[in-house]
Amino acid sequence: MRFKIPVQPVNTLNLMRGLGYSPHFDNGSYIRRLSRQDYPHYHAYLNEQPSVIEISLHLDQKGACYQGQTAHSGEYGGEQLAEERDRIIQLLEN
């Protein structure tokens, strides 16, 4: 799921932390865990533009099955992702 949020110049690390997300490894993405376990978690990639940030969001249900692979069980649409998108937008509006 992709969506855009209007922003003024901002530190994206602080922005994402304020939304409950943590940096994910060294690839510039962010995750928000749904429990104390590693999975499931929301996984967000950011594309920063001058006055807007595009967020590409999906839900990782479990990790890669084979070592060295990136394939995983992920959801890219649906009600749960729409609710997370709405939560992010609502937090930014307040």
PDB file of N, CA and C in Angstrom:
ATOM      1  N   MET A   1       0.854  -1.168   0.000  1.00  0.00           N
ATOM      2  CA  MET A   1       0.000   0.000   0.000  1.00  0.00           C
ATOM      3  C   MET A   1       0.899   1.230   0.000  1.00  0.00           C
ATOM      4  N   ARG A   2       0.620   2.119  -0.923  1.00  0.00           N
ATOM      5  CA  ARG A   2       1.375   3.369  -1.011  1.00  0.00           C
ATOM      6  C   ARG A   2       0.438   4.538  -0.729  1.00  0.00           C
ATOM      7  N   PHE A   3       0.955   5.501   0.026  1.00  0.00           N
ATOM      8  CA  PHE A   3       0.212   6.729   0.260  1.00  0.00           C
ATOM      9  C   PHE A   3       1.193   7.849   0.538  1.00  0.00           C
ATOM     10  N   LYS A   4       0.710   9.085   0.382  1.00  0.00           N
ATOM     11  CA  LYS A   4       1.564  10.258   0.566  1.00  0.00           C
ATOM     12  C   LYS A   4       1.057  11.093   1.729  1.00  0.00           C
ATOM     13  N   ILE A   5       2.015  11.669   2.446  1.00  0.00           N
ATOM     14  CA  ILE A   5       1.671  12.575   3.534  1.00  0.00           C
ATOM     15  C   ILE A   5       2.401  13.894   3.313  1.00  0.00           C
ATOM     16  N   PRO A   6       1.693  15.017   3.438  1.00  0.00           N
ATOM     17  CA  PRO A   6       2.369  16.305   3.296  1.00  0.00           C
ATOM     18  C   PRO A   6       3.170  16.612   4.559  1.00  0.00           C
ATOM     19  N   VAL A   7       4.382  17.082   4.386  1.00  0.00           N
ATOM     20  CA  VAL A   7       5.229  17.421   5.533  1.00  0.00           C
ATOM     21  C   VAL A   7       6.063  18.655   5.220  1.00  0.00           C
ATOM     22  N   GLN A   8       6.419  19.339   6.270  1.00  0.00           N
ATOM     23  CA  GLN A   8       7.408  20.392   6.164  1.00  0.00           C
ATOM     24  C   GLN A   8       8.751  19.707   6.372  1.00  0.00           C
ATOM     25  N   PRO A   9       9.861  20.385   6.113  1.00  0.00           N
ATOM     26  CA  PRO A   9      11.157  19.728   6.331  1.00  0.00           C
ATOM     27  C   PRO A   9      11.213  19.085   7.719  1.00  0.00           C
ATOM     28  N   VAL A  10      11.595  17.826   7.743  1.00  0.00           N
ATOM     29  CA  VAL A  10      11.515  17.060   8.984  1.00  0.00           C
ATOM     30  C   VAL A  10      12.629  16.019   9.026  1.00  0.00           C
ATOM     31  N   ASN A  11      13.034  15.655  10.210  1.00  0.00           N
ATOM     32  CA  ASN A  11      13.967  14.546  10.410  1.00  0.00           C
ATOM     33  C   ASN A  11      13.132  13.274  10.350  1.00  0.00           C
ATOM     34  N   THR A  12      13.310  12.475   9.309  1.00  0.00           N
ATOM     35  CA  THR A  12      12.447  11.301   9.118  1.00  0.00           C
ATOM     36  C   THR A  12      12.608  10.267  10.229  1.00  0.00           C
ATOM     37  N   LEU A  13      13.797  10.153  10.805  1.00  0.00           N
ATOM     38  CA  LEU A  13      13.990   9.214  11.907  1.00  0.00           C
ATOM     39  C   LEU A  13      13.103   9.617  13.080  1.00  0.00           C
ATOM     40  N   ASN A  14      13.099  10.889  13.438  1.00  0.00           N
ATOM     41  CA  ASN A  14      12.251  11.352  14.535  1.00  0.00           C
ATOM     42  C   ASN A  14      10.770  11.223  14.190  1.00  0.00           C
ATOM     43  N   LEU A  15      10.425  11.508  12.945  1.00  0.00           N
ATOM     44  CA  LEU A  15       9.041  11.372  12.505  1.00  0.00           C
ATOM     45  C   LEU A  15       8.564   9.938  12.682  1.00  0.00           C
ATOM     46  N   MET A  16       9.333   8.988  12.182  1.00  0.00           N
ATOM     47  CA  MET A  16       8.927   7.585  12.247  1.00  0.00           C
ATOM     48  C   MET A  16       8.924   7.060  13.688  1.00  0.00           C
ATOM     49  N   ARG A  17       9.874   7.489  14.487  1.00  0.00           N
ATOM     50  CA  ARG A  17       9.862   7.091  15.901  1.00  0.00           C
ATOM     51  C   ARG A  17       8.609   7.610  16.592  1.00  0.00           C
ATOM     52  N   GLY A  18       8.203   8.834  16.259  1.00  0.00           N
ATOM     53  CA  GLY A  18       6.984   9.395  16.823  1.00  0.00           C
ATOM     54  C   GLY A  18       5.736   8.619  16.424  1.00  0.00           C
ATOM     55  N   LEU A  19       5.810   7.911  15.313  1.00  0.00           N
ATOM     56  CA  LEU A  19       4.698   7.077  14.844  1.00  0.00           C
ATOM     57  C   LEU A  19       4.787   5.649  15.366  1.00  0.00           C
ATOM     58  N   GLY A  20       5.809   5.367  16.165  1.00  0.00           N
ATOM     59  CA  GLY A  20       5.958   4.027  16.758  1.00  0.00           C
ATOM     60  C   GLY A  20       6.824   3.082  15.961  1.00  0.00           C
ATOM     61  N   TYR A  21       7.557   3.583  14.973  1.00  0.00           N
ATOM     62  CA  TYR A  21       8.396   2.752  14.115  1.00  0.00           C
ATOM     63  C   TYR A  21       9.861   2.848  14.542  1.00  0.00           C
ATOM     64  N   SER A  22      10.599   1.791  14.286  1.00  0.00           N
ATOM     65  CA  SER A  22      12.031   1.727  14.571  1.00  0.00           C
ATOM     66  C   SER A  22      12.794   1.505  13.276  1.00  0.00           C
ATOM     67  N   PRO A  23      14.034   2.002  13.205  1.00  0.00           N
ATOM     68  CA  PRO A  23      14.846   1.726  12.009  1.00  0.00           C
ATOM     69  C   PRO A  23      15.030   0.226  11.833  1.00  0.00           C
ATOM     70  N   HIS A  24      15.027  -0.225  10.598  1.00  0.00           N
ATOM     71  CA  HIS A  24      15.159  -1.650  10.281  1.00  0.00           C
ATOM     72  C   HIS A  24      16.472  -1.891   9.545  1.00  0.00           C
ATOM     73  N   PHE A  25      17.435  -2.466  10.236  1.00  0.00           N
ATOM     74  CA  PHE A  25      18.755  -2.783   9.682  1.00  0.00           C
ATOM     75  C   PHE A  25      19.370  -1.554   9.020  1.00  0.00           C
ATOM     76  N   ASP A  26      20.024  -1.727   7.915  1.00  0.00           N
ATOM     77  CA  ASP A  26      20.726  -0.624   7.266  1.00  0.00           C
ATOM     78  C   ASP A  26      20.103  -0.228   5.931  1.00  0.00           C
ATOM     79  N   ASN A  27      18.873  -0.644   5.669  1.00  0.00           N
ATOM     80  CA  ASN A  27      18.293  -0.368   4.351  1.00  0.00           C
ATOM     81  C   ASN A  27      17.402   0.866   4.328  1.00  0.00           C
ATOM     82  N   GLY A  28      17.364   1.636   5.405  1.00  0.00           N
ATOM     83  CA  GLY A  28      16.589   2.870   5.413  1.00  0.00           C
ATOM     84  C   GLY A  28      15.097   2.680   5.582  1.00  0.00           C
ATOM     85  N   SER A  29      14.652   1.490   5.916  1.00  0.00           N
ATOM     86  CA  SER A  29      13.232   1.259   6.137  1.00  0.00           C
ATOM     87  C   SER A  29      12.952   1.243   7.642  1.00  0.00           C
ATOM     88  N   TYR A  30      11.682   1.132   7.969  1.00  0.00           N
ATOM     89  CA  TYR A  30      11.256   1.180   9.368  1.00  0.00           C
ATOM     90  C   TYR A  30      10.227   0.083   9.621  1.00  0.00           C
ATOM     91  N   ILE A  31      10.185  -0.415  10.872  1.00  0.00           N
ATOM     92  CA  ILE A  31       9.192  -1.424  11.237  1.00  0.00           C
ATOM     93  C   ILE A  31       8.467  -1.008  12.511  1.00  0.00           C
ATOM     94  N   ARG A  32       7.244  -1.512  12.637  1.00  0.00           N
ATOM     95  CA  ARG A  32       6.473  -1.375  13.881  1.00  0.00           C
ATOM     96  C   ARG A  32       5.927  -2.743  14.215  1.00  0.00           C
ATOM     97  N   ARG A  33       6.433  -3.304  15.299  1.00  0.00           N
ATOM     98  CA  ARG A  33       6.017  -4.652  15.711  1.00  0.00           C
ATOM     99  C   ARG A  33       4.616  -4.624  16.298  1.00  0.00           C
ATOM    100  N   LEU A  34       3.905  -5.713  16.113  1.00  0.00           N
ATOM    101  CA  LEU A  34       2.553  -5.844  16.640  1.00  0.00           C
ATOM    102  C   LEU A  34       2.530  -6.609  17.959  1.00  0.00           C
ATOM    103  N   SER A  35       3.678  -7.194  18.327  1.00  0.00           N
ATOM    104  CA  SER A  35       3.812  -7.901  19.599  1.00  0.00           C
ATOM    105  C   SER A  35       5.287  -7.881  19.979  1.00  0.00           C
ATOM    106  N   ARG A  36       5.646  -8.610  21.001  1.00  0.00           N
ATOM    107  CA  ARG A  36       7.054  -8.677  21.399  1.00  0.00           C
ATOM    108  C   ARG A  36       7.880  -9.555  20.465  1.00  0.00           C
ATOM    109  N   GLN A  37       7.210 -10.343  19.665  1.00  0.00           N
ATOM    110  CA  GLN A  37       7.889 -11.209  18.705  1.00  0.00           C
ATOM    111  C   GLN A  37       8.371 -10.378  17.511  1.00  0.00           C
ATOM    112  N   ASP A  38       9.286 -10.927  16.729  1.00  0.00           N
ATOM    113  CA  ASP A  38       9.757 -10.226  15.536  1.00  0.00           C
ATOM    114  C   ASP A  38       8.660 -10.076  14.486  1.00  0.00           C
ATOM    115  N   TYR A  39       7.770 -11.042  14.410  1.00  0.00           N
ATOM    116  CA  TYR A  39       6.693 -11.045  13.414  1.00  0.00           C
ATOM    117  C   TYR A  39       5.374 -11.299  14.104  1.00  0.00           C
ATOM    118  N   PRO A  40       4.303 -10.752  13.596  1.00  0.00           N
ATOM    119  CA  PRO A  40       4.195  -9.883  12.432  1.00  0.00           C
ATOM    120  C   PRO A  40       4.617  -8.451  12.777  1.00  0.00           C
ATOM    121  N   HIS A  41       4.958  -7.697  11.723  1.00  0.00           N
ATOM    122  CA  HIS A  41       5.243  -6.275  11.900  1.00  0.00           C
ATOM    123  C   HIS A  41       4.943  -5.513  10.614  1.00  0.00           C
ATOM    124  N   TYR A  42       4.626  -4.235  10.805  1.00  0.00           N
ATOM    125  CA  TYR A  42       4.473  -3.345   9.657  1.00  0.00           C
ATOM    126  C   TYR A  42       5.866  -2.957   9.187  1.00  0.00           C
ATOM    127  N   HIS A  43       6.026  -2.828   7.888  1.00  0.00           N
ATOM    128  CA  HIS A  43       7.318  -2.501   7.290  1.00  0.00           C
ATOM    129  C   HIS A  43       7.094  -1.354   6.321  1.00  0.00           C
ATOM    130  N   ALA A  44       7.774  -0.233   6.571  1.00  0.00           N
ATOM    131  CA  ALA A  44       7.559   0.979   5.780  1.00  0.00           C
ATOM    132  C   ALA A  44       8.847   1.428   5.098  1.00  0.00           C
ATOM    133  N   TYR A  45       8.734   1.737   3.828  1.00  0.00           N
ATOM    134  CA  TYR A  45       9.817   2.354   3.054  1.00  0.00           C
ATOM    135  C   TYR A  45       9.384   3.774   2.725  1.00  0.00           C
ATOM    136  N   LEU A  46      10.307   4.724   2.840  1.00  0.00           N
ATOM    137  CA  LEU A  46       9.988   6.123   2.601  1.00  0.00           C
ATOM    138  C   LEU A  46      10.648   6.621   1.333  1.00  0.00           C
ATOM    139  N   ASN A  47       9.915   7.461   0.607  1.00  0.00           N
ATOM    140  CA  ASN A  47      10.444   8.169  -0.549  1.00  0.00           C
ATOM    141  C   ASN A  47      10.205   9.648  -0.280  1.00  0.00           C
ATOM    142  N   GLU A  48      11.272  10.352   0.112  1.00  0.00           N
ATOM    143  CA  GLU A  48      11.140  11.758   0.487  1.00  0.00           C
ATOM    144  C   GLU A  48      11.178  12.655  -0.742  1.00  0.00           C
ATOM    145  N   GLN A  49      10.221  13.560  -0.794  1.00  0.00           N
ATOM    146  CA  GLN A  49      10.145  14.574  -1.835  1.00  0.00           C
ATOM    147  C   GLN A  49      10.072  15.922  -1.126  1.00  0.00           C
ATOM    148  N   PRO A  50      10.213  17.049  -1.832  1.00  0.00           N
ATOM    149  CA  PRO A  50      10.301  18.341  -1.155  1.00  0.00           C
ATOM    150  C   PRO A  50       9.192  18.639  -0.139  1.00  0.00           C
ATOM    151  N   SER A  51       7.945  18.423  -0.462  1.00  0.00           N
ATOM    152  CA  SER A  51       6.873  18.774   0.469  1.00  0.00           C
ATOM    153  C   SER A  51       5.986  17.588   0.843  1.00  0.00           C
ATOM    154  N   VAL A  52       6.419  16.406   0.475  1.00  0.00           N
ATOM    155  CA  VAL A  52       5.614  15.218   0.734  1.00  0.00           C
ATOM    156  C   VAL A  52       6.535  14.014   0.938  1.00  0.00           C
ATOM    157  N   ILE A  53       6.064  13.080   1.736  1.00  0.00           N
ATOM    158  CA  ILE A  53       6.762  11.803   1.885  1.00  0.00           C
ATOM    159  C   ILE A  53       5.822  10.711   1.403  1.00  0.00           C
ATOM    160  N   GLU A  54       6.301   9.888   0.484  1.00  0.00           N
ATOM    161  CA  GLU A  54       5.527   8.738   0.038  1.00  0.00           C
ATOM    162  C   GLU A  54       5.941   7.543   0.893  1.00  0.00           C
ATOM    163  N   ILE A  55       4.949   6.881   1.465  1.00  0.00           N
ATOM    164  CA  ILE A  55       5.200   5.720   2.309  1.00  0.00           C
ATOM    165  C   ILE A  55       4.695   4.480   1.591  1.00  0.00           C
ATOM    166  N   SER A  56       5.573   3.506   1.450  1.00  0.00           N
ATOM    167  CA  SER A  56       5.202   2.204   0.919  1.00  0.00           C
ATOM    168  C   SER A  56       5.143   1.261   2.117  1.00  0.00           C
ATOM    169  N   LEU A  57       3.953   0.772   2.423  1.00  0.00           N
ATOM    170  CA  LEU A  57       3.711   0.029   3.657  1.00  0.00           C
ATOM    171  C   LEU A  57       3.216  -1.371   3.344  1.00  0.00           C
ATOM    172  N   HIS A  58       3.763  -2.347   4.040  1.00  0.00           N
ATOM    173  CA  HIS A  58       3.215  -3.698   3.956  1.00  0.00           C
ATOM    174  C   HIS A  58       3.323  -4.362   5.326  1.00  0.00           C
ATOM    175  N   LEU A  59       2.672  -5.495   5.467  1.00  0.00           N
ATOM    176  CA  LEU A  59       2.646  -6.237   6.716  1.00  0.00           C
ATOM    177  C   LEU A  59       3.390  -7.543   6.515  1.00  0.00           C
ATOM    178  N   ASP A  60       4.515  -7.693   7.219  1.00  0.00           N
ATOM    179  CA  ASP A  60       5.281  -8.939   7.170  1.00  0.00           C
ATOM    180  C   ASP A  60       4.701  -9.905   8.197  1.00  0.00           C
ATOM    181  N   GLN A  61       4.172 -11.033   7.723  1.00  0.00           N
ATOM    182  CA  GLN A  61       3.607 -12.033   8.623  1.00  0.00           C
ATOM    183  C   GLN A  61       4.683 -12.946   9.219  1.00  0.00           C
ATOM    184  N   LYS A  62       5.734 -13.194   8.432  1.00  0.00           N
ATOM    185  CA  LYS A  62       6.846 -14.022   8.906  1.00  0.00           C
ATOM    186  C   LYS A  62       8.070 -13.696   8.078  1.00  0.00           C
ATOM    187  N   GLY A  63       9.225 -14.131   8.541  1.00  0.00           N
ATOM    188  CA  GLY A  63      10.476 -13.842   7.857  1.00  0.00           C
ATOM    189  C   GLY A  63      10.716 -14.752   6.671  1.00  0.00           C
ATOM    190  N   ALA A  64      11.848 -14.525   6.028  1.00  0.00           N
ATOM    191  CA  ALA A  64      12.236 -15.367   4.896  1.00  0.00           C
ATOM    192  C   ALA A  64      12.391 -16.807   5.360  1.00  0.00           C
ATOM    193  N   CYS A  65      11.966 -17.726   4.522  1.00  0.00           N
ATOM    194  CA  CYS A  65      11.996 -19.148   4.879  1.00  0.00           C
ATOM    195  C   CYS A  65      13.371 -19.778   4.703  1.00  0.00           C
ATOM    196  N   TYR A  66      14.170 -19.228   3.793  1.00  0.00           N
ATOM    197  CA  TYR A  66      15.465 -19.812   3.500  1.00  0.00           C
ATOM    198  C   TYR A  66      16.556 -18.774   3.696  1.00  0.00           C
ATOM    199  N   GLN A  67      17.667 -19.214   4.247  1.00  0.00           N
ATOM    200  CA  GLN A  67      18.782 -18.312   4.497  1.00  0.00           C
ATOM    201  C   GLN A  67      19.259 -17.661   3.198  1.00  0.00           C
ATOM    202  N   GLY A  68      19.498 -16.358   3.256  1.00  0.00           N
ATOM    203  CA  GLY A  68      19.970 -15.637   2.087  1.00  0.00           C
ATOM    204  C   GLY A  68      18.861 -15.187   1.143  1.00  0.00           C
ATOM    205  N   GLN A  69      17.621 -15.511   1.450  1.00  0.00           N
ATOM    206  CA  GLN A  69      16.483 -15.122   0.615  1.00  0.00           C
ATOM    207  C   GLN A  69      15.740 -13.958   1.255  1.00  0.00           C
ATOM    208  N   THR A  70      15.096 -13.151   0.435  1.00  0.00           N
ATOM    209  CA  THR A  70      14.306 -12.041   0.954  1.00  0.00           C
ATOM    210  C   THR A  70      12.815 -12.290   0.830  1.00  0.00           C
ATOM    211  N   ALA A  71      12.415 -13.353   0.150  1.00  0.00           N
ATOM    212  CA  ALA A  71      10.997 -13.656  -0.007  1.00  0.00           C
ATOM    213  C   ALA A  71      10.385 -13.936   1.364  1.00  0.00           C
ATOM    214  N   HIS A  72       9.183 -13.429   1.579  1.00  0.00           N
ATOM    215  CA  HIS A  72       8.521 -13.582   2.860  1.00  0.00           C
ATOM    216  C   HIS A  72       7.015 -13.572   2.646  1.00  0.00           C
ATOM    217  N   SER A  73       6.306 -13.850   3.723  1.00  0.00           N
ATOM    218  CA  SER A  73       4.852 -13.830   3.665  1.00  0.00           C
ATOM    219  C   SER A  73       4.401 -12.427   4.044  1.00  0.00           C
ATOM    220  N   GLY A  74       4.119 -11.616   3.041  1.00  0.00           N
ATOM    221  CA  GLY A  74       3.735 -10.226   3.281  1.00  0.00           C
ATOM    222  C   GLY A  74       2.387  -9.899   2.682  1.00  0.00           C
ATOM    223  N   GLU A  75       1.691  -8.954   3.326  1.00  0.00           N
ATOM    224  CA  GLU A  75       0.413  -8.466   2.813  1.00  0.00           C
ATOM    225  C   GLU A  75       0.619  -7.028   2.364  1.00  0.00           C
ATOM    226  N   TYR A  76       0.108  -6.698   1.187  1.00  0.00           N
ATOM    227  CA  TYR A  76       0.313  -5.380   0.594  1.00  0.00           C
ATOM    228  C   TYR A  76      -0.982  -4.591   0.451  1.00  0.00           C
ATOM    229  N   GLY A  77      -2.063  -5.110   0.956  1.00  0.00           N
ATOM    230  CA  GLY A  77      -3.354  -4.426   0.911  1.00  0.00           C
ATOM    231  C   GLY A  77      -4.278  -5.040   1.938  1.00  0.00           C
ATOM    232  N   GLY A  78      -5.432  -4.453   2.093  1.00  0.00           N
ATOM    233  CA  GLY A  78      -6.418  -4.995   3.011  1.00  0.00           C
ATOM    234  C   GLY A  78      -6.760  -4.058   4.149  1.00  0.00           C
ATOM    235  N   GLU A  79      -7.702  -4.513   4.962  1.00  0.00           N
ATOM    236  CA  GLU A  79      -8.248  -3.691   6.034  1.00  0.00           C
ATOM    237  C   GLU A  79      -7.213  -3.318   7.097  1.00  0.00           C
ATOM    238  N   GLN A  80      -6.347  -4.260   7.469  1.00  0.00           N
ATOM    239  CA  GLN A  80      -5.368  -3.989   8.509  1.00  0.00           C
ATOM    240  C   GLN A  80      -4.381  -2.895   8.072  1.00  0.00           C
ATOM    241  N   LEU A  81      -3.952  -2.939   6.823  1.00  0.00           N
ATOM    242  CA  LEU A  81      -3.050  -1.901   6.320  1.00  0.00           C
ATOM    243  C   LEU A  81      -3.773  -0.563   6.184  1.00  0.00           C
ATOM    244  N   ALA A  82      -5.029  -0.585   5.789  1.00  0.00           N
ATOM    245  CA  ALA A  82      -5.801   0.655   5.694  1.00  0.00           C
ATOM    246  C   ALA A  82      -5.947   1.297   7.073  1.00  0.00           C
ATOM    247  N   GLU A  83      -6.149   0.485   8.098  1.00  0.00           N
ATOM    248  CA  GLU A  83      -6.250   1.007   9.463  1.00  0.00           C
ATOM    249  C   GLU A  83      -4.925   1.617   9.912  1.00  0.00           C
ATOM    250  N   GLU A  84      -3.809   0.992   9.563  1.00  0.00           N
ATOM    251  CA  GLU A  84      -2.499   1.539   9.929  1.00  0.00           C
ATOM    252  C   GLU A  84      -2.238   2.842   9.180  1.00  0.00           C
ATOM    253  N   ARG A  85      -2.599   2.894   7.910  1.00  0.00           N
ATOM    254  CA  ARG A  85      -2.471   4.136   7.140  1.00  0.00           C
ATOM    255  C   ARG A  85      -3.278   5.247   7.799  1.00  0.00           C
ATOM    256  N   ASP A  86      -4.520   4.957   8.170  1.00  0.00           N
ATOM    257  CA  ASP A  86      -5.377   5.952   8.805  1.00  0.00           C
ATOM    258  C   ASP A  86      -4.814   6.389  10.153  1.00  0.00           C
ATOM    259  N   ARG A  87      -4.225   5.463  10.907  1.00  0.00           N
ATOM    260  CA  ARG A  87      -3.606   5.789  12.191  1.00  0.00           C
ATOM    261  C   ARG A  87      -2.450   6.764  11.996  1.00  0.00           C
ATOM    262  N   ILE A  88      -1.622   6.510  10.998  1.00  0.00           N
ATOM    263  CA  ILE A  88      -0.476   7.385  10.703  1.00  0.00           C
ATOM    264  C   ILE A  88      -0.960   8.776  10.318  1.00  0.00           C
ATOM    265  N   ILE A  89      -1.938   8.845   9.441  1.00  0.00           N
ATOM    266  CA  ILE A  89      -2.456  10.134   8.987  1.00  0.00           C
ATOM    267  C   ILE A  89      -3.071  10.904  10.157  1.00  0.00           C
ATOM    268  N   GLN A  90      -3.827  10.214  11.003  1.00  0.00           N
ATOM    269  CA  GLN A  90      -4.453  10.863  12.150  1.00  0.00           C
ATOM    270  C   GLN A  90      -3.401  11.398  13.123  1.00  0.00           C
ATOM    271  N   LEU A  91      -2.364  10.632  13.396  1.00  0.00           N
ATOM    272  CA  LEU A  91      -1.307  11.098  14.291  1.00  0.00           C
ATOM    273  C   LEU A  91      -0.604  12.332  13.730  1.00  0.00           C
ATOM    274  N   LEU A  92      -0.407  12.371  12.437  1.00  0.00           N
ATOM    275  CA  LEU A  92       0.272  13.511  11.830  1.00  0.00           C
ATOM    276  C   LEU A  92      -0.597  14.755  11.784  1.00  0.00           C
ATOM    277  N   GLU A  93      -1.905  14.569  11.757  1.00  0.00           N
ATOM    278  CA  GLU A  93      -2.810  15.717  11.742  1.00  0.00           C
ATOM    279  C   GLU A  93      -2.927  16.366  13.102  1.00  0.00           C
ATOM    280  N   ASN A  94      -2.648  15.614  14.172  1.00  0.00           N
ATOM    281  CA  ASN A  94      -2.764  16.148  15.538  1.00  0.00           C
ATOM    282  C   ASN A  94      -1.503  16.767  16.019  1.00  0.00           C
TER     283      ASN A  94
END
